[in-house]
């Protein structure tokens, strides 16, 4: 099951990038969200939430909310994660109404890591740190911190992406 989920997430991210990415880094995640039908909002979220996405059947676009008080790299990852939920529910499952909340580490549901969350995390990593650019930077001798800066992600997100890419 997990193997299928991460493969689906990577393939979905690749398809979104193929149609919406200008090959530049950092990836313009807000622009890609708009192109996919996700309207983004930066606001102050309740203490334990990093972000959430809501899609109602009667509305054309989904609405993604991210905490504007979090660091920029965290906002970018949360937004990419929310886009992952959108793609997984709208494109793969063909749902037209759903909602997900992203709880900060240490939050009330930290241990509830369902396949939806796994998909969204894998998707976020794949879309913010495209495999072709990771390989290009590695070939050029860039270290983890330098790549994280180029992709505008946290060092921990970059490490996770490199670890995940080892799993083929």
N, C-alpha and C. Protein backbone atom coordinates (compact mmCIF):
# COMPACT_ATOMS: atom_id res chain seq x y z
N UNK A 1 0.83 -1.21 0.00
CA UNK A 1 0.00 0.00 0.00
C UNK A 1 0.86 1.26 0.00
N UNK A 2 1.83 1.33 0.94
CA UNK A 2 2.68 2.53 1.04
C UNK A 2 3.47 2.76 -0.24
N UNK A 3 3.94 1.67 -0.86
CA UNK A 3 4.70 1.81 -2.10
C UNK A 3 3.84 2.45 -3.18
N UNK A 4 2.63 1.99 -3.29
CA UNK A 4 1.73 2.55 -4.29
C UNK A 4 1.45 4.03 -4.01
N UNK A 5 1.28 4.39 -2.75
CA UNK A 5 0.98 5.78 -2.40
C UNK A 5 2.12 6.69 -2.80
N UNK A 6 3.37 6.35 -2.45
CA UNK A 6 4.46 7.26 -2.78
C UNK A 6 4.70 7.32 -4.28
N UNK A 7 4.48 6.23 -4.98
CA UNK A 7 4.63 6.26 -6.44
C UNK A 7 3.54 7.14 -7.06
N UNK A 8 2.31 7.01 -6.57
CA UNK A 8 1.23 7.86 -7.07
C UNK A 8 1.51 9.33 -6.80
N UNK A 9 2.02 9.63 -5.62
CA UNK A 9 2.32 11.02 -5.25
C UNK A 9 3.39 11.60 -6.16
N UNK A 10 4.45 10.85 -6.40
CA UNK A 10 5.52 11.34 -7.27
C UNK A 10 5.03 11.54 -8.70
N UNK A 11 4.23 10.60 -9.19
CA UNK A 11 3.72 10.71 -10.55
C UNK A 11 2.77 11.90 -10.67
N UNK A 12 1.94 12.10 -9.67
CA UNK A 12 1.02 13.25 -9.69
C UNK A 12 1.80 14.56 -9.68
N UNK A 13 2.84 14.64 -8.85
CA UNK A 13 3.67 15.85 -8.81
C UNK A 13 4.36 16.08 -10.15
N UNK A 14 4.86 15.01 -10.75
CA UNK A 14 5.52 15.14 -12.05
C UNK A 14 4.55 15.70 -13.10
N UNK A 15 3.31 15.22 -13.09
CA UNK A 15 2.32 15.70 -14.05
C UNK A 15 2.00 17.18 -13.82
N UNK A 16 1.87 17.57 -12.58
CA UNK A 16 1.60 18.98 -12.27
C UNK A 16 2.78 19.84 -12.70
N UNK A 17 4.00 19.39 -12.41
CA UNK A 17 5.19 20.15 -12.82
C UNK A 17 5.28 20.24 -14.34
N UNK A 18 5.00 19.13 -15.03
CA UNK A 18 5.09 19.12 -16.50
C UNK A 18 4.22 20.20 -17.12
N UNK A 19 3.07 20.46 -16.54
CA UNK A 19 2.17 21.43 -17.13
C UNK A 19 2.27 22.83 -16.58
N UNK A 20 3.03 23.01 -15.48
CA UNK A 20 2.97 24.30 -14.79
C UNK A 20 4.31 24.85 -14.29
N UNK A 21 5.40 24.19 -14.55
CA UNK A 21 6.68 24.60 -13.99
C UNK A 21 7.58 25.19 -15.07
N UNK A 22 8.19 26.32 -14.75
CA UNK A 22 9.08 27.01 -15.69
C UNK A 22 10.53 26.53 -15.62
N UNK A 23 10.79 25.45 -14.91
CA UNK A 23 12.12 24.85 -14.76
C UNK A 23 13.06 25.68 -13.88
N UNK A 24 12.52 26.68 -13.22
CA UNK A 24 13.32 27.52 -12.34
C UNK A 24 13.10 27.09 -10.89
N UNK A 25 14.12 27.32 -10.05
CA UNK A 25 13.98 27.10 -8.61
C UNK A 25 14.25 28.42 -7.91
N UNK A 26 13.58 28.66 -6.81
CA UNK A 26 12.60 27.76 -6.21
C UNK A 26 11.32 27.69 -7.05
N UNK A 27 10.65 26.55 -6.95
CA UNK A 27 9.38 26.35 -7.64
C UNK A 27 8.39 27.38 -7.12
N UNK A 28 7.66 27.99 -8.02
CA UNK A 28 6.66 29.02 -7.66
C UNK A 28 5.36 28.32 -7.26
N UNK A 29 5.29 27.87 -6.02
CA UNK A 29 4.19 27.03 -5.57
C UNK A 29 2.85 27.76 -5.57
N UNK A 30 2.83 29.03 -5.21
CA UNK A 30 1.54 29.75 -5.23
C UNK A 30 1.00 29.86 -6.66
N UNK A 31 1.86 30.12 -7.60
CA UNK A 31 1.46 30.21 -9.01
C UNK A 31 0.93 28.87 -9.49
N UNK A 32 1.58 27.79 -9.12
CA UNK A 32 1.13 26.45 -9.52
C UNK A 32 -0.22 26.14 -8.88
N UNK A 33 -0.39 26.52 -7.62
CA UNK A 33 -1.68 26.30 -6.96
C UNK A 33 -2.80 26.99 -7.74
N UNK A 34 -2.59 28.25 -8.09
CA UNK A 34 -3.61 29.00 -8.84
C UNK A 34 -3.92 28.30 -10.16
N UNK A 35 -2.88 27.85 -10.86
CA UNK A 35 -3.08 27.18 -12.14
C UNK A 35 -3.87 25.88 -11.99
N UNK A 36 -3.75 25.25 -10.83
CA UNK A 36 -4.45 23.98 -10.59
C UNK A 36 -5.86 24.16 -10.03
N UNK A 37 -6.21 25.39 -9.64
CA UNK A 37 -7.55 25.62 -9.09
C UNK A 37 -7.60 25.70 -7.59
N UNK A 38 -6.48 26.10 -6.98
CA UNK A 38 -6.44 26.27 -5.53
C UNK A 38 -6.14 27.74 -5.23
N UNK A 39 -7.06 28.40 -4.55
CA UNK A 39 -6.85 29.77 -4.13
C UNK A 39 -6.19 29.73 -2.77
N UNK A 40 -5.12 30.52 -2.59
CA UNK A 40 -4.36 30.46 -1.34
C UNK A 40 -4.61 31.70 -0.49
N UNK A 41 -4.63 31.48 0.81
CA UNK A 41 -4.83 32.54 1.78
C UNK A 41 -3.81 32.39 2.89
N UNK A 42 -3.14 33.48 3.23
CA UNK A 42 -2.24 33.50 4.38
C UNK A 42 -2.97 34.22 5.50
N UNK A 43 -3.09 33.56 6.63
CA UNK A 43 -3.82 34.12 7.75
C UNK A 43 -3.23 33.60 9.06
N UNK A 44 -3.73 34.12 10.15
CA UNK A 44 -3.31 33.60 11.46
C UNK A 44 -4.19 32.39 11.75
N UNK A 45 -3.55 31.26 11.93
CA UNK A 45 -4.26 30.00 12.18
C UNK A 45 -4.34 29.74 13.68
N UNK A 46 -5.27 28.90 14.12
CA UNK A 46 -5.29 28.49 15.52
C UNK A 46 -3.93 27.88 15.90
N UNK A 47 -3.63 27.89 17.18
CA UNK A 47 -2.30 27.51 17.67
C UNK A 47 -1.73 26.20 17.13
N UNK A 48 -2.55 25.20 16.92
CA UNK A 48 -2.00 23.91 16.53
C UNK A 48 -2.11 23.60 15.03
N UNK A 49 -2.56 24.56 14.22
CA UNK A 49 -2.70 24.31 12.79
C UNK A 49 -1.65 25.06 11.97
N UNK A 50 -1.09 24.35 10.99
CA UNK A 50 -0.18 24.97 10.02
C UNK A 50 -0.91 25.37 8.76
N UNK A 51 -1.95 24.61 8.43
CA UNK A 51 -2.69 24.89 7.22
C UNK A 51 -3.90 24.00 7.10
N UNK A 52 -4.71 24.32 6.11
CA UNK A 52 -5.87 23.49 5.82
C UNK A 52 -6.34 23.77 4.41
N UNK A 53 -7.06 22.82 3.84
CA UNK A 53 -7.65 22.99 2.52
C UNK A 53 -9.10 22.55 2.60
N UNK A 54 -9.94 23.31 1.93
CA UNK A 54 -11.37 23.01 1.91
C UNK A 54 -11.85 23.14 0.48
N UNK A 55 -12.63 22.18 0.04
CA UNK A 55 -13.25 22.22 -1.29
C UNK A 55 -14.71 21.84 -1.11
N UNK A 56 -15.59 22.69 -1.52
CA UNK A 56 -17.04 22.44 -1.48
C UNK A 56 -17.50 22.10 -2.90
N UNK A 57 -18.46 21.21 -2.98
CA UNK A 57 -18.96 20.77 -4.28
C UNK A 57 -19.47 21.93 -5.12
N UNK A 58 -20.09 22.91 -4.48
CA UNK A 58 -20.68 24.04 -5.21
C UNK A 58 -19.66 25.08 -5.65
N UNK A 59 -18.42 24.97 -5.18
CA UNK A 59 -17.39 25.97 -5.52
C UNK A 59 -16.43 25.41 -6.55
N UNK A 60 -15.99 26.27 -7.44
CA UNK A 60 -15.06 25.87 -8.50
C UNK A 60 -13.68 25.56 -7.94
N UNK A 61 -13.14 26.48 -7.13
CA UNK A 61 -11.79 26.32 -6.60
C UNK A 61 -11.80 25.82 -5.16
N UNK A 62 -10.71 25.17 -4.81
CA UNK A 62 -10.48 24.82 -3.41
C UNK A 62 -9.83 26.04 -2.75
N UNK A 63 -9.92 26.11 -1.44
CA UNK A 63 -9.30 27.20 -0.68
C UNK A 63 -8.27 26.59 0.26
N UNK A 64 -7.02 27.03 0.12
CA UNK A 64 -5.94 26.58 1.00
C UNK A 64 -5.55 27.73 1.92
N UNK A 65 -5.51 27.45 3.20
CA UNK A 65 -5.15 28.44 4.21
C UNK A 65 -3.85 28.00 4.87
N UNK A 66 -2.89 28.94 4.95
CA UNK A 66 -1.64 28.63 5.63
C UNK A 66 -1.34 29.71 6.66
N UNK A 67 -0.62 29.31 7.69
CA UNK A 67 -0.33 30.21 8.80
C UNK A 67 0.76 31.20 8.39
N UNK A 68 0.38 32.47 8.32
CA UNK A 68 1.33 33.51 7.88
C UNK A 68 2.40 33.80 8.92
N UNK A 69 2.25 33.29 10.13
CA UNK A 69 3.24 33.52 11.18
C UNK A 69 4.35 32.48 11.19
N UNK A 70 4.23 31.44 10.37
CA UNK A 70 5.28 30.43 10.29
C UNK A 70 6.37 30.89 9.33
N UNK A 71 7.58 30.34 9.47
CA UNK A 71 8.66 30.71 8.55
C UNK A 71 8.28 30.43 7.09
N UNK A 72 8.85 31.20 6.18
CA UNK A 72 8.54 31.07 4.77
C UNK A 72 8.72 29.66 4.21
N UNK A 73 9.78 28.97 4.63
CA UNK A 73 10.01 27.62 4.11
C UNK A 73 8.90 26.68 4.58
N UNK A 74 8.41 26.89 5.79
CA UNK A 74 7.31 26.06 6.31
C UNK A 74 6.01 26.39 5.58
N UNK A 75 5.78 27.67 5.29
CA UNK A 75 4.59 28.05 4.52
C UNK A 75 4.58 27.39 3.15
N UNK A 76 5.75 27.40 2.49
CA UNK A 76 5.86 26.80 1.16
C UNK A 76 5.56 25.31 1.21
N UNK A 77 6.12 24.62 2.20
CA UNK A 77 5.89 23.18 2.29
C UNK A 77 4.42 22.89 2.61
N UNK A 78 3.85 23.66 3.53
CA UNK A 78 2.44 23.46 3.88
C UNK A 78 1.56 23.68 2.66
N UNK A 79 1.83 24.71 1.89
CA UNK A 79 1.04 24.98 0.69
C UNK A 79 1.18 23.84 -0.33
N UNK A 80 2.39 23.36 -0.53
CA UNK A 80 2.60 22.23 -1.45
C UNK A 80 1.88 20.98 -0.94
N UNK A 81 1.89 20.79 0.37
CA UNK A 81 1.19 19.67 1.00
C UNK A 81 -0.32 19.79 0.75
N UNK A 82 -0.86 20.98 0.91
CA UNK A 82 -2.29 21.19 0.67
C UNK A 82 -2.63 20.95 -0.80
N UNK A 83 -1.76 21.38 -1.70
CA UNK A 83 -1.95 21.09 -3.12
C UNK A 83 -1.96 19.58 -3.34
N UNK A 84 -1.12 18.87 -2.61
CA UNK A 84 -1.11 17.41 -2.70
C UNK A 84 -2.46 16.81 -2.32
N UNK A 85 -3.07 17.33 -1.24
CA UNK A 85 -4.41 16.87 -0.88
C UNK A 85 -5.40 17.15 -2.02
N UNK A 86 -5.31 18.35 -2.58
CA UNK A 86 -6.20 18.73 -3.68
C UNK A 86 -6.07 17.76 -4.85
N UNK A 87 -4.85 17.49 -5.27
CA UNK A 87 -4.62 16.60 -6.41
C UNK A 87 -5.09 15.19 -6.09
N UNK A 88 -4.75 14.71 -4.90
CA UNK A 88 -5.14 13.34 -4.52
C UNK A 88 -6.66 13.19 -4.48
N UNK A 89 -7.35 14.15 -3.92
CA UNK A 89 -8.81 14.03 -3.79
C UNK A 89 -9.53 14.36 -5.09
N UNK A 90 -9.09 15.39 -5.80
CA UNK A 90 -9.80 15.85 -6.99
C UNK A 90 -9.46 15.03 -8.23
N UNK A 91 -8.18 14.81 -8.46
CA UNK A 91 -7.76 14.13 -9.69
C UNK A 91 -7.81 12.61 -9.54
N UNK A 92 -7.24 12.10 -8.45
CA UNK A 92 -7.15 10.65 -8.30
C UNK A 92 -8.47 10.06 -7.80
N UNK A 93 -9.01 10.58 -6.70
CA UNK A 93 -10.24 10.03 -6.12
C UNK A 93 -11.50 10.61 -6.75
N UNK A 94 -11.36 11.70 -7.48
CA UNK A 94 -12.47 12.40 -8.14
C UNK A 94 -13.57 12.82 -7.16
N UNK A 95 -13.14 13.30 -5.99
CA UNK A 95 -14.06 13.89 -5.01
C UNK A 95 -14.25 15.36 -5.35
N UNK A 96 -15.42 15.89 -5.08
CA UNK A 96 -15.63 17.31 -5.31
C UNK A 96 -15.90 18.07 -4.01
N UNK A 97 -15.77 17.38 -2.87
CA UNK A 97 -15.95 18.05 -1.59
C UNK A 97 -15.11 17.32 -0.54
N UNK A 98 -14.26 18.08 0.17
CA UNK A 98 -13.39 17.49 1.19
C UNK A 98 -12.77 18.60 2.01
N UNK A 99 -12.08 18.21 3.08
CA UNK A 99 -11.34 19.15 3.90
C UNK A 99 -10.27 18.42 4.69
N UNK A 100 -9.11 19.04 4.82
CA UNK A 100 -8.01 18.49 5.60
C UNK A 100 -7.40 19.61 6.44
N UNK A 101 -6.98 19.28 7.65
CA UNK A 101 -6.25 20.21 8.51
C UNK A 101 -4.86 19.65 8.74
N UNK A 102 -3.86 20.53 8.71
CA UNK A 102 -2.49 20.12 8.98
C UNK A 102 -2.11 20.57 10.37
N UNK A 103 -1.88 19.61 11.24
CA UNK A 103 -1.57 19.88 12.64
C UNK A 103 -0.06 19.98 12.80
N UNK A 104 0.39 21.00 13.53
CA UNK A 104 1.81 21.17 13.81
C UNK A 104 2.34 19.98 14.59
N UNK A 105 3.62 19.73 14.46
CA UNK A 105 4.26 18.68 15.26
C UNK A 105 3.97 18.97 16.74
N UNK A 106 3.60 17.93 17.46
CA UNK A 106 3.25 18.12 18.86
C UNK A 106 1.79 18.47 19.04
N UNK A 107 1.06 18.56 17.91
CA UNK A 107 -0.35 18.94 17.95
C UNK A 107 -1.24 17.80 18.38
N UNK A 108 -2.51 18.04 18.34
CA UNK A 108 -3.48 17.12 18.92
C UNK A 108 -3.62 15.79 18.19
N UNK A 109 -3.21 15.71 16.92
CA UNK A 109 -3.36 14.45 16.18
C UNK A 109 -2.04 14.03 15.54
N UNK A 110 -0.97 14.29 16.18
CA UNK A 110 0.35 14.01 15.61
C UNK A 110 0.50 12.54 15.18
N UNK A 111 -0.12 11.59 15.89
CA UNK A 111 0.07 10.18 15.59
C UNK A 111 -0.85 9.66 14.49
N UNK A 112 -1.82 10.46 14.07
CA UNK A 112 -2.75 10.04 13.02
C UNK A 112 -2.13 10.36 11.65
N UNK A 113 -1.32 9.45 11.14
CA UNK A 113 -0.64 9.67 9.87
C UNK A 113 -1.23 8.71 8.84
N UNK A 114 -2.28 9.14 8.20
CA UNK A 114 -3.02 8.32 7.26
C UNK A 114 -2.40 8.38 5.87
N UNK A 115 -2.82 7.47 4.99
CA UNK A 115 -2.29 7.51 3.62
C UNK A 115 -2.48 8.86 2.93
N UNK A 116 -3.54 9.60 3.27
CA UNK A 116 -3.73 10.93 2.68
C UNK A 116 -2.57 11.86 3.05
N UNK A 117 -2.14 11.78 4.30
CA UNK A 117 -1.04 12.64 4.76
C UNK A 117 0.28 12.19 4.15
N UNK A 118 0.48 10.90 4.05
CA UNK A 118 1.68 10.36 3.43
C UNK A 118 1.76 10.82 1.97
N UNK A 119 0.65 10.72 1.24
CA UNK A 119 0.59 11.17 -0.15
C UNK A 119 0.94 12.65 -0.23
N UNK A 120 0.29 13.47 0.61
CA UNK A 120 0.50 14.92 0.54
C UNK A 120 1.94 15.30 0.86
N UNK A 121 2.56 14.63 1.83
CA UNK A 121 3.97 14.92 2.15
C UNK A 121 4.90 14.53 1.01
N UNK A 122 4.67 13.35 0.44
CA UNK A 122 5.52 12.90 -0.68
C UNK A 122 5.32 13.83 -1.88
N UNK A 123 4.09 14.21 -2.15
CA UNK A 123 3.79 15.13 -3.24
C UNK A 123 4.50 16.47 -3.02
N UNK A 124 4.41 17.00 -1.80
CA UNK A 124 5.03 18.30 -1.49
C UNK A 124 6.54 18.26 -1.75
N UNK A 125 7.18 17.20 -1.29
CA UNK A 125 8.62 17.08 -1.52
C UNK A 125 8.95 17.00 -3.00
N UNK A 126 8.16 16.23 -3.73
CA UNK A 126 8.42 16.04 -5.16
C UNK A 126 8.16 17.30 -5.97
N UNK A 127 7.20 18.10 -5.55
CA UNK A 127 6.89 19.30 -6.33
C UNK A 127 7.84 20.45 -5.99
N UNK A 128 8.23 20.58 -4.72
CA UNK A 128 9.14 21.67 -4.34
C UNK A 128 10.59 21.38 -4.68
N UNK A 129 10.94 20.10 -4.73
CA UNK A 129 12.32 19.68 -4.99
C UNK A 129 12.31 18.66 -6.12
N UNK A 130 12.05 19.11 -7.35
CA UNK A 130 11.95 18.18 -8.48
C UNK A 130 13.20 17.31 -8.62
N UNK A 131 12.97 16.04 -8.87
CA UNK A 131 14.06 15.07 -8.94
C UNK A 131 15.16 15.47 -9.91
N UNK A 132 14.78 16.02 -11.06
CA UNK A 132 15.80 16.40 -12.06
C UNK A 132 16.73 17.47 -11.51
N UNK A 133 16.18 18.42 -10.77
CA UNK A 133 17.02 19.49 -10.20
C UNK A 133 17.84 18.97 -9.03
N UNK A 134 17.28 18.07 -8.23
CA UNK A 134 18.05 17.46 -7.14
C UNK A 134 19.26 16.76 -7.72
N UNK A 135 19.05 15.97 -8.77
CA UNK A 135 20.17 15.26 -9.41
C UNK A 135 21.19 16.24 -9.99
N UNK A 136 20.71 17.30 -10.60
CA UNK A 136 21.60 18.32 -11.17
C UNK A 136 22.47 18.95 -10.08
N UNK A 137 21.86 19.32 -8.97
CA UNK A 137 22.60 19.96 -7.88
C UNK A 137 23.56 18.98 -7.21
N UNK A 138 23.15 17.73 -7.07
CA UNK A 138 24.06 16.74 -6.49
C UNK A 138 25.27 16.54 -7.39
N UNK A 139 25.04 16.47 -8.70
CA UNK A 139 26.14 16.30 -9.66
C UNK A 139 27.11 17.48 -9.61
N UNK A 140 26.58 18.66 -9.29
CA UNK A 140 27.40 19.86 -9.19
C UNK A 140 28.10 19.96 -7.84
N UNK A 141 27.89 18.98 -6.97
CA UNK A 141 28.58 18.95 -5.68
C UNK A 141 27.91 19.77 -4.58
N UNK A 142 26.67 20.16 -4.77
CA UNK A 142 25.96 20.94 -3.74
C UNK A 142 25.67 20.06 -2.53
N UNK A 143 25.85 20.63 -1.34
CA UNK A 143 25.50 19.89 -0.13
C UNK A 143 24.04 20.13 0.23
N UNK A 144 23.58 19.47 1.29
CA UNK A 144 22.17 19.53 1.69
C UNK A 144 21.75 20.97 1.98
N UNK A 145 22.56 21.71 2.72
CA UNK A 145 22.19 23.08 3.09
C UNK A 145 22.11 23.98 1.86
N UNK A 146 23.03 23.82 0.93
CA UNK A 146 23.01 24.63 -0.30
C UNK A 146 21.79 24.31 -1.14
N UNK A 147 21.46 23.02 -1.24
CA UNK A 147 20.26 22.64 -2.01
C UNK A 147 19.00 23.15 -1.34
N UNK A 148 18.93 23.06 -0.02
CA UNK A 148 17.76 23.57 0.71
C UNK A 148 17.57 25.05 0.42
N UNK A 149 18.64 25.80 0.41
CA UNK A 149 18.55 27.23 0.12
C UNK A 149 18.07 27.47 -1.31
N UNK A 150 18.59 26.73 -2.27
CA UNK A 150 18.19 26.90 -3.67
C UNK A 150 16.70 26.57 -3.87
N UNK A 151 16.22 25.52 -3.19
CA UNK A 151 14.82 25.13 -3.32
C UNK A 151 13.89 25.93 -2.40
N UNK A 152 14.47 26.71 -1.49
CA UNK A 152 13.71 27.49 -0.50
C UNK A 152 12.85 26.56 0.36
N UNK A 153 13.51 25.56 0.90
CA UNK A 153 12.89 24.61 1.83
C UNK A 153 13.80 24.49 3.04
N UNK A 154 13.30 23.85 4.08
CA UNK A 154 14.13 23.64 5.27
C UNK A 154 15.16 22.55 4.99
N UNK A 155 16.22 22.56 5.77
CA UNK A 155 17.25 21.52 5.64
C UNK A 155 16.63 20.15 5.94
N UNK A 156 15.74 20.08 6.93
CA UNK A 156 15.11 18.79 7.25
C UNK A 156 14.24 18.29 6.09
N UNK A 157 13.52 19.19 5.41
CA UNK A 157 12.73 18.79 4.24
C UNK A 157 13.65 18.29 3.12
N UNK A 158 14.78 18.96 2.93
CA UNK A 158 15.73 18.54 1.90
C UNK A 158 16.30 17.17 2.22
N UNK A 159 16.65 16.95 3.48
CA UNK A 159 17.17 15.62 3.89
C UNK A 159 16.12 14.54 3.64
N UNK A 160 14.88 14.84 3.99
CA UNK A 160 13.81 13.86 3.79
C UNK A 160 13.64 13.54 2.31
N UNK A 161 13.70 14.56 1.48
CA UNK A 161 13.56 14.34 0.03
C UNK A 161 14.70 13.47 -0.49
N UNK A 162 15.92 13.74 -0.05
CA UNK A 162 17.06 12.92 -0.48
C UNK A 162 16.89 11.48 -0.01
N UNK A 163 16.44 11.30 1.22
CA UNK A 163 16.19 9.95 1.74
C UNK A 163 15.11 9.25 0.90
N UNK A 164 14.02 9.98 0.61
CA UNK A 164 12.92 9.40 -0.15
C UNK A 164 13.35 9.03 -1.58
N UNK A 165 14.25 9.81 -2.16
CA UNK A 165 14.70 9.52 -3.51
C UNK A 165 15.57 8.25 -3.57
N UNK A 166 16.10 7.86 -2.43
CA UNK A 166 16.84 6.59 -2.38
C UNK A 166 15.92 5.40 -2.57
N UNK A 167 14.64 5.61 -2.28
CA UNK A 167 13.62 4.57 -2.40
C UNK A 167 13.05 4.65 -3.82
N UNK A 168 13.47 3.80 -4.68
CA UNK A 168 13.00 3.82 -6.07
C UNK A 168 12.07 2.67 -6.37
